[in-house]
Amino acid sequence: MMVQWTATAMNRLRQIKSEHFTDQETMEYKMNLIRRVEQKVVTMGTLMPSREYRNTYYCIVDQYVVSYKVLDKGERYVITSLKHGAMKRNFKY
């Protein structure tokens, strides 16, 4: 399984900052978050499809909503978006 990140998702990841933790601790958190996101995306597969976007799926890791696409019959995953749960979302329930 191969997991790729789009430039948009990587930019969101770079924007994560903390007033309460040191830069080193924040960097460690980001690295852990990347591992957990990739593991969760592969584990979830196509369980939570988007109602708005075709061939797009969602999962939640910590307080972040991750959207991704499954390509090549499940051999490749592309993470397209990483949003904090408090950000405005356009989900249809």
PDB file of N, CA and C in Angstrom:
ATOM      1  N   MET A   1       0.835  -1.178   0.000  1.00  0.00           N
ATOM      2  CA  MET A   1       0.000   0.000   0.000  1.00  0.00           C
ATOM      3  C   MET A   1       0.885   1.247   0.000  1.00  0.00           C
ATOM      4  N   MET A   2       0.505   2.177  -0.824  1.00  0.00           N
ATOM      5  CA  MET A   2       1.268   3.408  -0.930  1.00  0.00           C
ATOM      6  C   MET A   2       0.359   4.579  -0.557  1.00  0.00           C
ATOM      7  N   VAL A   3       0.837   5.455   0.319  1.00  0.00           N
ATOM      8  CA  VAL A   3       0.069   6.624   0.741  1.00  0.00           C
ATOM      9  C   VAL A   3       0.817   7.868   0.300  1.00  0.00           C
ATOM     10  N   GLN A   4       0.113   8.741  -0.415  1.00  0.00           N
ATOM     11  CA  GLN A   4       0.700   9.995  -0.874  1.00  0.00           C
ATOM     12  C   GLN A   4      -0.090  11.161  -0.295  1.00  0.00           C
ATOM     13  N   TRP A   5       0.572  12.308  -0.183  1.00  0.00           N
ATOM     14  CA  TRP A   5      -0.060  13.527   0.322  1.00  0.00           C
ATOM     15  C   TRP A   5      -0.051  14.574  -0.785  1.00  0.00           C
ATOM     16  N   THR A   6      -1.153  15.281  -0.958  1.00  0.00           N
ATOM     17  CA  THR A   6      -1.166  16.384  -1.918  1.00  0.00           C
ATOM     18  C   THR A   6      -0.495  17.595  -1.279  1.00  0.00           C
ATOM     19  N   ALA A   7      -0.161  18.569  -2.104  1.00  0.00           N
ATOM     20  CA  ALA A   7       0.471  19.795  -1.606  1.00  0.00           C
ATOM     21  C   ALA A   7      -0.452  20.527  -0.638  1.00  0.00           C
ATOM     22  N   THR A   8      -1.739  20.514  -0.911  1.00  0.00           N
ATOM     23  CA  THR A   8      -2.711  21.174  -0.033  1.00  0.00           C
ATOM     24  C   THR A   8      -2.713  20.544   1.352  1.00  0.00           C
ATOM     25  N   ALA A   9      -2.729  19.230   1.408  1.00  0.00           N
ATOM     26  CA  ALA A   9      -2.728  18.533   2.694  1.00  0.00           C
ATOM     27  C   ALA A   9      -1.423  18.777   3.447  1.00  0.00           C
ATOM     28  N   MET A  10      -0.304  18.795   2.732  1.00  0.00           N
ATOM     29  CA  MET A  10       0.985  19.061   3.382  1.00  0.00           C
ATOM     30  C   MET A  10       1.046  20.486   3.924  1.00  0.00           C
ATOM     31  N   ASN A  11       0.467  21.439   3.201  1.00  0.00           N
ATOM     32  CA  ASN A  11       0.427  22.817   3.702  1.00  0.00           C
ATOM     33  C   ASN A  11      -0.370  22.902   4.990  1.00  0.00           C
ATOM     34  N   ARG A  12      -1.485  22.206   5.059  1.00  0.00           N
ATOM     35  CA  ARG A  12      -2.278  22.187   6.303  1.00  0.00           C
ATOM     36  C   ARG A  12      -1.464  21.593   7.451  1.00  0.00           C
ATOM     37  N   LEU A  13      -0.706  20.581   7.151  1.00  0.00           N
ATOM     38  CA  LEU A  13       0.124  19.950   8.173  1.00  0.00           C
ATOM     39  C   LEU A  13       1.192  20.921   8.669  1.00  0.00           C
ATOM     40  N   ARG A  14       1.772  21.680   7.759  1.00  0.00           N
ATOM     41  CA  ARG A  14       2.796  22.664   8.138  1.00  0.00           C
ATOM     42  C   ARG A  14       2.225  23.782   8.998  1.00  0.00           C
ATOM     43  N   GLN A  15       0.938  24.050   8.872  1.00  0.00           N
ATOM     44  CA  GLN A  15       0.310  25.141   9.611  1.00  0.00           C
ATOM     45  C   GLN A  15       0.028  24.791  11.072  1.00  0.00           C
ATOM     46  N   ILE A  16       0.202  23.551  11.451  1.00  0.00           N
ATOM     47  CA  ILE A  16      -0.053  23.153  12.837  1.00  0.00           C
ATOM     48  C   ILE A  16       1.013  23.772  13.731  1.00  0.00           C
ATOM     49  N   LYS A  17       0.561  24.550  14.694  1.00  0.00           N
ATOM     50  CA  LYS A  17       1.456  25.204  15.650  1.00  0.00           C
ATOM     51  C   LYS A  17       0.844  25.083  17.039  1.00  0.00           C
ATOM     52  N   SER A  18       1.664  25.309  18.055  1.00  0.00           N
ATOM     53  CA  SER A  18       1.161  25.239  19.418  1.00  0.00           C
ATOM     54  C   SER A  18       1.798  26.319  20.271  1.00  0.00           C
ATOM     55  N   GLU A  19       0.970  26.968  21.064  1.00  0.00           N
ATOM     56  CA  GLU A  19       1.471  27.949  22.029  1.00  0.00           C
ATOM     57  C   GLU A  19       1.921  27.264  23.314  1.00  0.00           C
ATOM     58  N   HIS A  20       1.486  26.044  23.517  1.00  0.00           N
ATOM     59  CA  HIS A  20       1.713  25.348  24.779  1.00  0.00           C
ATOM     60  C   HIS A  20       2.885  24.376  24.749  1.00  0.00           C
ATOM     61  N   PHE A  21       3.361  24.028  23.554  1.00  0.00           N
ATOM     62  CA  PHE A  21       4.439  23.059  23.433  1.00  0.00           C
ATOM     63  C   PHE A  21       5.611  23.663  22.679  1.00  0.00           C
ATOM     64  N   THR A  22       6.788  23.106  22.893  1.00  0.00           N
ATOM     65  CA  THR A  22       7.988  23.595  22.209  1.00  0.00           C
ATOM     66  C   THR A  22       7.937  23.199  20.735  1.00  0.00           C
ATOM     67  N   ASP A  23       8.815  23.790  19.949  1.00  0.00           N
ATOM     68  CA  ASP A  23       8.881  23.447  18.528  1.00  0.00           C
ATOM     69  C   ASP A  23       9.236  21.979  18.336  1.00  0.00           C
ATOM     70  N   GLN A  24      10.117  21.467  19.189  1.00  0.00           N
ATOM     71  CA  GLN A  24      10.510  20.055  19.098  1.00  0.00           C
ATOM     72  C   GLN A  24       9.318  19.132  19.380  1.00  0.00           C
ATOM     73  N   GLU A  25       8.562  19.449  20.426  1.00  0.00           N
ATOM     74  CA  GLU A  25       7.391  18.634  20.760  1.00  0.00           C
ATOM     75  C   GLU A  25       6.341  18.705  19.652  1.00  0.00           C
ATOM     76  N   THR A  26       6.175  19.873  19.074  1.00  0.00           N
ATOM     77  CA  THR A  26       5.221  20.030  17.978  1.00  0.00           C
ATOM     78  C   THR A  26       5.658  19.219  16.767  1.00  0.00           C
ATOM     79  N   MET A  27       6.952  19.224  16.478  1.00  0.00           N
ATOM     80  CA  MET A  27       7.480  18.442  15.352  1.00  0.00           C
ATOM     81  C   MET A  27       7.252  16.948  15.582  1.00  0.00           C
ATOM     82  N   GLU A  28       7.477  16.480  16.804  1.00  0.00           N
ATOM     83  CA  GLU A  28       7.238  15.070  17.129  1.00  0.00           C
ATOM     84  C   GLU A  28       5.759  14.722  16.972  1.00  0.00           C
ATOM     85  N   TYR A  29       4.887  15.648  17.397  1.00  0.00           N
ATOM     86  CA  TYR A  29       3.450  15.421  17.254  1.00  0.00           C
ATOM     87  C   TYR A  29       3.075  15.293  15.776  1.00  0.00           C
ATOM     88  N   LYS A  30       3.621  16.170  14.944  1.00  0.00           N
ATOM     89  CA  LYS A  30       3.324  16.120  13.507  1.00  0.00           C
ATOM     90  C   LYS A  30       3.778  14.797  12.895  1.00  0.00           C
ATOM     91  N   MET A  31       4.968  14.343  13.273  1.00  0.00           N
ATOM     92  CA  MET A  31       5.470  13.075  12.739  1.00  0.00           C
ATOM     93  C   MET A  31       4.573  11.915  13.167  1.00  0.00           C
ATOM     94  N   ASN A  32       4.158  11.927  14.438  1.00  0.00           N
ATOM     95  CA  ASN A  32       3.237  10.902  14.934  1.00  0.00           C
ATOM     96  C   ASN A  32       1.897  10.987  14.219  1.00  0.00           C
ATOM     97  N   LEU A  33       1.428  12.213  14.000  1.00  0.00           N
ATOM     98  CA  LEU A  33       0.152  12.414  13.321  1.00  0.00           C
ATOM     99  C   LEU A  33       0.206  11.852  11.903  1.00  0.00           C
ATOM    100  N   ILE A  34       1.301  12.087  11.203  1.00  0.00           N
ATOM    101  CA  ILE A  34       1.456  11.552   9.847  1.00  0.00           C
ATOM    102  C   ILE A  34       1.359  10.030   9.867  1.00  0.00           C
ATOM    103  N   ARG A  35       2.051   9.398  10.796  1.00  0.00           N
ATOM    104  CA  ARG A  35       2.009   7.926  10.895  1.00  0.00           C
ATOM    105  C   ARG A  35       0.592   7.427  11.177  1.00  0.00           C
ATOM    106  N   ARG A  36      -0.079   8.092  12.135  1.00  0.00           N
ATOM    107  CA  ARG A  36      -1.427   7.656  12.498  1.00  0.00           C
ATOM    108  C   ARG A  36      -2.425   7.887  11.372  1.00  0.00           C
ATOM    109  N   VAL A  37      -2.289   9.016  10.672  1.00  0.00           N
ATOM    110  CA  VAL A  37      -3.187   9.299   9.545  1.00  0.00           C
ATOM    111  C   VAL A  37      -3.007   8.241   8.466  1.00  0.00           C
ATOM    112  N   GLU A  38      -1.774   7.958   8.096  1.00  0.00           N
ATOM    113  CA  GLU A  38      -1.525   6.973   7.041  1.00  0.00           C
ATOM    114  C   GLU A  38      -2.026   5.589   7.440  1.00  0.00           C
ATOM    115  N   GLN A  39      -1.810   5.216   8.693  1.00  0.00           N
ATOM    116  CA  GLN A  39      -2.280   3.911   9.162  1.00  0.00           C
ATOM    117  C   GLN A  39      -3.808   3.849   9.144  1.00  0.00           C
ATOM    118  N   LYS A  40      -4.454   4.915   9.591  1.00  0.00           N
ATOM    119  CA  LYS A  40      -5.914   4.937   9.646  1.00  0.00           C
ATOM    120  C   LYS A  40      -6.523   4.910   8.244  1.00  0.00           C
ATOM    121  N   VAL A  41      -5.921   5.649   7.309  1.00  0.00           N
ATOM    122  CA  VAL A  41      -6.418   5.682   5.935  1.00  0.00           C
ATOM    123  C   VAL A  41      -6.372   4.283   5.329  1.00  0.00           C
ATOM    124  N   VAL A  42      -5.268   3.597   5.502  1.00  0.00           N
ATOM    125  CA  VAL A  42      -5.138   2.241   4.955  1.00  0.00           C
ATOM    126  C   VAL A  42      -6.113   1.294   5.646  1.00  0.00           C
ATOM    127  N   THR A  43      -6.279   1.442   6.955  1.00  0.00           N
ATOM    128  CA  THR A  43      -7.183   0.577   7.710  1.00  0.00           C
ATOM    129  C   THR A  43      -8.641   0.814   7.327  1.00  0.00           C
ATOM    130  N   MET A  44      -9.027   2.087   7.196  1.00  0.00           N
ATOM    131  CA  MET A  44     -10.420   2.430   6.893  1.00  0.00           C
ATOM    132  C   MET A  44     -10.803   2.077   5.458  1.00  0.00           C
ATOM    133  N   GLY A  45      -9.887   2.259   4.541  1.00  0.00           N
ATOM    134  CA  GLY A  45     -10.204   1.955   3.147  1.00  0.00           C
ATOM    135  C   GLY A  45     -11.394   2.753   2.649  1.00  0.00           C
ATOM    136  N   THR A  46     -12.452   2.060   2.249  1.00  0.00           N
ATOM    137  CA  THR A  46     -13.622   2.727   1.669  1.00  0.00           C
ATOM    138  C   THR A  46     -14.843   2.670   2.586  1.00  0.00           C
ATOM    139  N   LEU A  47     -14.635   2.660   3.886  1.00  0.00           N
ATOM    140  CA  LEU A  47     -15.755   2.534   4.822  1.00  0.00           C
ATOM    141  C   LEU A  47     -16.598   3.796   4.959  1.00  0.00           C
ATOM    142  N   MET A  48     -15.987   4.983   4.859  1.00  0.00           N
ATOM    143  CA  MET A  48     -16.737   6.231   5.062  1.00  0.00           C
ATOM    144  C   MET A  48     -16.682   7.101   3.800  1.00  0.00           C
ATOM    145  N   PRO A  49     -17.546   6.835   2.824  1.00  0.00           N
ATOM    146  CA  PRO A  49     -17.516   7.631   1.593  1.00  0.00           C
ATOM    147  C   PRO A  49     -18.102   9.024   1.804  1.00  0.00           C
ATOM    148  N   SER A  50     -17.641   9.954   1.000  1.00  0.00           N
ATOM    149  CA  SER A  50     -18.171  11.310   1.007  1.00  0.00           C
ATOM    150  C   SER A  50     -19.506  11.322   0.277  1.00  0.00           C
ATOM    151  N   ARG A  51     -20.428  12.126   0.773  1.00  0.00           N
ATOM    152  CA  ARG A  51     -21.708  12.268   0.081  1.00  0.00           C
ATOM    153  C   ARG A  51     -21.653  13.372  -0.965  1.00  0.00           C
ATOM    154  N   GLU A  52     -20.606  14.172  -0.908  1.00  0.00           N
ATOM    155  CA  GLU A  52     -20.479  15.292  -1.838  1.00  0.00           C
ATOM    156  C   GLU A  52     -19.541  14.997  -2.992  1.00  0.00           C
ATOM    157  N   TYR A  53     -18.435  14.334  -2.710  1.00  0.00           N
ATOM    158  CA  TYR A  53     -17.402  14.135  -3.713  1.00  0.00           C
ATOM    159  C   TYR A  53     -17.274  12.661  -4.059  1.00  0.00           C
ATOM    160  N   ARG A  54     -17.326  12.378  -5.332  1.00  0.00           N
ATOM    161  CA  ARG A  54     -17.235  11.007  -5.801  1.00  0.00           C
ATOM    162  C   ARG A  54     -15.820  10.466  -5.582  1.00  0.00           C
ATOM    163  N   ASN A  55     -15.717   9.222  -5.191  1.00  0.00           N
ATOM    164  CA  ASN A  55     -14.430   8.542  -4.970  1.00  0.00           C
ATOM    165  C   ASN A  55     -13.581   9.197  -3.891  1.00  0.00           C
ATOM    166  N   THR A  56     -14.202   9.876  -2.952  1.00  0.00           N
ATOM    167  CA  THR A  56     -13.494  10.498  -1.835  1.00  0.00           C
ATOM    168  C   THR A  56     -14.042   9.910  -0.541  1.00  0.00           C
ATOM    169  N   TYR A  57     -13.149   9.698   0.418  1.00  0.00           N
ATOM    170  CA  TYR A  57     -13.518   9.069   1.682  1.00  0.00           C
ATOM    171  C   TYR A  57     -12.973   9.902   2.831  1.00  0.00           C
ATOM    172  N   TYR A  58     -13.537   9.712   4.014  1.00  0.00           N
ATOM    173  CA  TYR A  58     -13.139  10.472   5.188  1.00  0.00           C
ATOM    174  C   TYR A  58     -12.767   9.552   6.337  1.00  0.00           C
ATOM    175  N   CYS A  59     -11.897  10.051   7.205  1.00  0.00           N
ATOM    176  CA  CYS A  59     -11.659   9.426   8.503  1.00  0.00           C
ATOM    177  C   CYS A  59     -11.264  10.539   9.469  1.00  0.00           C
ATOM    178  N   ILE A  60     -11.328  10.258  10.745  1.00  0.00           N
ATOM    179  CA  ILE A  60     -10.991  11.243  11.769  1.00  0.00           C
ATOM    180  C   ILE A  60      -9.835  10.703  12.589  1.00  0.00           C
ATOM    181  N   VAL A  61      -8.787  11.513  12.710  1.00  0.00           N
ATOM    182  CA  VAL A  61      -7.613  11.164  13.506  1.00  0.00           C
ATOM    183  C   VAL A  61      -7.374  12.324  14.455  1.00  0.00           C
ATOM    184  N   ASP A  62      -7.316  12.038  15.744  1.00  0.00           N
ATOM    185  CA  ASP A  62      -7.295  13.077  16.775  1.00  0.00           C
ATOM    186  C   ASP A  62      -8.487  13.986  16.509  1.00  0.00           C
ATOM    187  N   GLN A  63      -8.245  15.273  16.365  1.00  0.00           N
ATOM    188  CA  GLN A  63      -9.351  16.183  16.080  1.00  0.00           C
ATOM    189  C   GLN A  63      -9.360  16.610  14.619  1.00  0.00           C
ATOM    190  N   TYR A  64      -8.654  15.890  13.765  1.00  0.00           N
ATOM    191  CA  TYR A  64      -8.528  16.249  12.354  1.00  0.00           C
ATOM    192  C   TYR A  64      -9.394  15.358  11.467  1.00  0.00           C
ATOM    193  N   VAL A  65     -10.055  15.991  10.511  1.00  0.00           N
ATOM    194  CA  VAL A  65     -10.834  15.268   9.511  1.00  0.00           C
ATOM    195  C   VAL A  65      -9.952  15.130   8.278  1.00  0.00           C
ATOM    196  N   VAL A  66      -9.724  13.905   7.871  1.00  0.00           N
ATOM    197  CA  VAL A  66      -8.833  13.608   6.755  1.00  0.00           C
ATOM    198  C   VAL A  66      -9.682  13.120   5.585  1.00  0.00           C
ATOM    199  N   SER A  67      -9.518  13.747   4.424  1.00  0.00           N
ATOM    200  CA  SER A  67     -10.197  13.235   3.234  1.00  0.00           C
ATOM    201  C   SER A  67      -9.144  12.658   2.298  1.00  0.00           C
ATOM    202  N   TYR A  68      -9.517  11.582   1.635  1.00  0.00           N
ATOM    203  CA  TYR A  68      -8.552  10.881   0.791  1.00  0.00           C
ATOM    204  C   TYR A  68      -9.260  10.164  -0.342  1.00  0.00           C
ATOM    205  N   LYS A  69      -8.496   9.812  -1.342  1.00  0.00           N
ATOM    206  CA  LYS A  69      -8.999   9.051  -2.482  1.00  0.00           C
ATOM    207  C   LYS A  69      -8.284   7.707  -2.528  1.00  0.00           C
ATOM    208  N   VAL A  70      -8.994   6.707  -2.983  1.00  0.00           N
ATOM    209  CA  VAL A  70      -8.428   5.369  -3.147  1.00  0.00           C
ATOM    210  C   VAL A  70      -8.246   5.136  -4.643  1.00  0.00           C
ATOM    211  N   LEU A  71      -7.020   4.852  -5.040  1.00  0.00           N
ATOM    212  CA  LEU A  71      -6.709   4.664  -6.460  1.00  0.00           C
ATOM    213  C   LEU A  71      -6.094   3.284  -6.702  1.00  0.00           C
ATOM    214  N   ASP A  72      -6.055   2.895  -7.934  1.00  0.00           N
ATOM    215  CA  ASP A  72      -5.434   1.627  -8.349  1.00  0.00           C
ATOM    216  C   ASP A  72      -5.980   0.427  -7.578  1.00  0.00           C
ATOM    217  N   LYS A  73      -7.298   0.373  -7.459  1.00  0.00           N
ATOM    218  CA  LYS A  73      -7.987  -0.746  -6.794  1.00  0.00           C
ATOM    219  C   LYS A  73      -7.498  -0.971  -5.363  1.00  0.00           C
ATOM    220  N   GLY A  74      -7.275   0.113  -4.640  1.00  0.00           N
ATOM    221  CA  GLY A  74      -6.879   0.013  -3.246  1.00  0.00           C
ATOM    222  C   GLY A  74      -5.393  -0.102  -3.011  1.00  0.00           C
ATOM    223  N   GLU A  75      -4.595   0.013  -4.040  1.00  0.00           N
ATOM    224  CA  GLU A  75      -3.141  -0.077  -3.882  1.00  0.00           C
ATOM    225  C   GLU A  75      -2.505   1.265  -3.539  1.00  0.00           C
ATOM    226  N   ARG A  76      -3.208   2.360  -3.847  1.00  0.00           N
ATOM    227  CA  ARG A  76      -2.637   3.685  -3.611  1.00  0.00           C
ATOM    228  C   ARG A  76      -3.698   4.583  -2.991  1.00  0.00           C
ATOM    229  N   TYR A  77      -3.309   5.315  -1.951  1.00  0.00           N
ATOM    230  CA  TYR A  77      -4.186   6.257  -1.273  1.00  0.00           C
ATOM    231  C   TYR A  77      -3.576   7.645  -1.395  1.00  0.00           C
ATOM    232  N   VAL A  78      -4.409   8.635  -1.729  1.00  0.00           N
ATOM    233  CA  VAL A  78      -3.939  10.010  -1.856  1.00  0.00           C
ATOM    234  C   VAL A  78      -4.712  10.862  -0.863  1.00  0.00           C
ATOM    235  N   ILE A  79      -4.006  11.408   0.123  1.00  0.00           N
ATOM    236  CA  ILE A  79      -4.626  12.265   1.127  1.00  0.00           C
ATOM    237  C   ILE A  79      -4.766  13.651   0.518  1.00  0.00           C
ATOM    238  N   THR A  80      -6.008  14.103   0.393  1.00  0.00           N
ATOM    239  CA  THR A  80      -6.275  15.357  -0.304  1.00  0.00           C
ATOM    240  C   THR A  80      -6.513  16.527   0.632  1.00  0.00           C
ATOM    241  N   SER A  81      -6.910  16.256   1.871  1.00  0.00           N
ATOM    242  CA  SER A  81      -7.225  17.353   2.777  1.00  0.00           C
ATOM    243  C   SER A  81      -7.060  16.918   4.227  1.00  0.00           C
ATOM    244  N   LEU A  82      -6.631  17.863   5.035  1.00  0.00           N
ATOM    245  CA  LEU A  82      -6.494  17.655   6.474  1.00  0.00           C
ATOM    246  C   LEU A  82      -7.061  18.902   7.131  1.00  0.00           C
ATOM    247  N   LYS A  83      -8.180  18.751   7.837  1.00  0.00           N
ATOM    248  CA  LYS A  83      -8.819  19.912   8.455  1.00  0.00           C
ATOM    249  C   LYS A  83      -9.039  19.650   9.931  1.00  0.00           C
ATOM    250  N   HIS A  84      -8.874  20.688  10.712  1.00  0.00           N
ATOM    251  CA  HIS A  84      -9.173  20.587  12.133  1.00  0.00           C
ATOM    252  C   HIS A  84     -10.681  20.474  12.291  1.00  0.00           C
ATOM    253  N   GLY A  85     -11.115  19.726  13.273  1.00  0.00           N
ATOM    254  CA  GLY A  85     -12.539  19.511  13.489  1.00  0.00           C
ATOM    255  C   GLY A  85     -13.321  20.776  13.749  1.00  0.00           C
ATOM    256  N   ALA A  86     -12.654  21.826  14.244  1.00  0.00           N
ATOM    257  CA  ALA A  86     -13.340  23.082  14.530  1.00  0.00           C
ATOM    258  C   ALA A  86     -13.494  23.960  13.286  1.00  0.00           C
ATOM    259  N   MET A  87     -12.793  23.613  12.205  1.00  0.00           N
ATOM    260  CA  MET A  87     -12.915  24.392  10.964  1.00  0.00           C
ATOM    261  C   MET A  87     -14.264  24.129  10.323  1.00  0.00           C
ATOM    262  N   LYS A  88     -14.721  25.092   9.554  1.00  0.00           N
ATOM    263  CA  LYS A  88     -15.999  24.942   8.873  1.00  0.00           C
ATOM    264  C   LYS A  88     -15.921  23.782   7.891  1.00  0.00           C
ATOM    265  N   ARG A  89     -16.883  22.894   7.984  1.00  0.00           N
ATOM    266  CA  ARG A  89     -16.943  21.751   7.076  1.00  0.00           C
ATOM    267  C   ARG A  89     -18.267  21.797   6.341  1.00  0.00           C
ATOM    268  N   ASN A  90     -18.277  21.251   5.180  1.00  0.00           N
ATOM    269  CA  ASN A  90     -19.496  21.197   4.385  1.00  0.00           C
ATOM    270  C   ASN A  90     -19.999  19.769   4.271  1.00  0.00           C
ATOM    271  N   PHE A  91     -20.056  19.076   5.394  1.00  0.00           N
ATOM    272  CA  PHE A  91     -20.544  17.707   5.367  1.00  0.00           C
ATOM    273  C   PHE A  91     -22.063  17.707   5.274  1.00  0.00           C
ATOM    274  N   LYS A  92     -22.606  16.750   4.576  1.00  0.00           N
ATOM    275  CA  LYS A  92     -24.051  16.548   4.534  1.00  0.00           C
ATOM    276  C   LYS A  92     -24.343  15.266   5.286  1.00  0.00           C
ATOM    277  N   TYR A  93     -25.138  15.370   6.325  1.00  0.00           N
ATOM    278  CA  TYR A  93     -25.445  14.192   7.134  1.00  0.00           C
ATOM    279  C   TYR A  93     -26.763  13.593   6.742  1.00  0.00           C
TER     280      TYR A  93
END
